[in-house]
Amino acid sequence: MIDPLNYLLISITTFCFGLLVSFQISHIFYCRKLTKLAKRCVNTGTIAPVLVELEETGK
């Protein structure tokens, strides 16, 4: 049987890895989104894509 202290340490370690992985996934998602938005701004020569994105997200 697993000692309760070891069980707690394994649980904390798993939780921390989960937080790190979820942070990395969201970071990659938003970096890709920002890159696409920046490319659209450069191609159009205006900041209109940024304004459209702000309207769509409701901020």
Protein backbone atom coordinates (compact mmCIF):
# COMPACT_ATOMS: atom_id res chain seq x y z
CA MET A 1 0.00 0.00 0.00
CA ILE A 2 1.16 3.53 -0.78
CA ASP A 3 2.16 5.68 2.12
CA PRO A 4 -0.20 8.71 2.42
CA LEU A 5 2.75 11.12 2.19
CA ASN A 6 3.93 9.56 -1.06
CA TYR A 7 0.38 9.65 -2.41
CA LEU A 8 0.16 13.35 -1.59
CA LEU A 9 3.51 14.07 -3.26
CA ILE A 10 2.50 12.17 -6.40
CA SER A 11 -0.80 14.07 -6.50
CA ILE A 12 0.92 17.45 -6.14
CA THR A 13 3.48 16.57 -8.82
CA THR A 14 0.75 15.44 -11.23
CA PHE A 15 -1.23 18.61 -10.58
CA CYS A 16 1.83 20.80 -11.27
CA PHE A 17 2.58 18.97 -14.53
CA GLY A 18 -1.04 19.44 -15.56
CA LEU A 19 -0.82 23.17 -14.91
CA LEU A 20 2.39 23.45 -16.91
CA VAL A 21 0.97 21.52 -19.85
CA SER A 22 -2.25 23.54 -19.93
CA PHE A 23 -0.27 26.79 -19.78
CA GLN A 24 1.91 25.68 -22.68
CA ILE A 25 -1.09 24.65 -24.79
CA SER A 26 -2.85 27.97 -24.23
CA HIS A 27 0.39 29.87 -24.88
CA ILE A 28 0.89 28.11 -28.22
CA PHE A 29 -2.76 28.73 -29.18
CA TYR A 30 -2.61 32.46 -28.48
CA CYS A 31 0.80 32.88 -30.11
CA ARG A 32 -0.54 31.32 -33.30
CA LYS A 33 -3.62 33.53 -33.13
CA LEU A 34 -1.48 36.64 -32.63
CA THR A 35 0.81 35.65 -35.51
CA LYS A 36 -2.14 35.27 -37.88
CA LEU A 37 -3.50 38.62 -36.75
CA ALA A 38 -0.12 40.33 -37.23
CA LYS A 39 0.21 38.87 -40.74
CA ARG A 40 -3.26 40.14 -41.63
CA CYS A 41 -2.33 43.60 -40.33
CA VAL A 42 0.87 43.66 -42.37
CA ASN A 43 -0.90 42.46 -45.52
CA THR A 44 -3.69 45.03 -45.27
CA GLY A 45 -1.47 47.82 -44.01
CA THR A 46 -3.96 48.84 -41.32
CA ILE A 47 -4.97 47.87 -37.83
CA ALA A 48 -8.49 47.00 -38.99
CA PRO A 49 -8.04 43.25 -38.29
CA VAL A 50 -7.19 44.07 -34.68
CA LEU A 51 -10.33 46.16 -34.30
CA VAL A 52 -12.47 43.43 -35.86
CA GLU A 53 -10.99 40.85 -33.50
CA LEU A 54 -11.69 43.09 -30.52
CA GLU A 55 -15.31 43.49 -31.61
CA GLU A 56 -15.73 39.74 -32.06
CA THR A 57 -14.38 38.91 -28.61
CA GLY A 58 -16.50 41.61 -26.99
CA LYS A 59 -13.75 43.47 -25.18
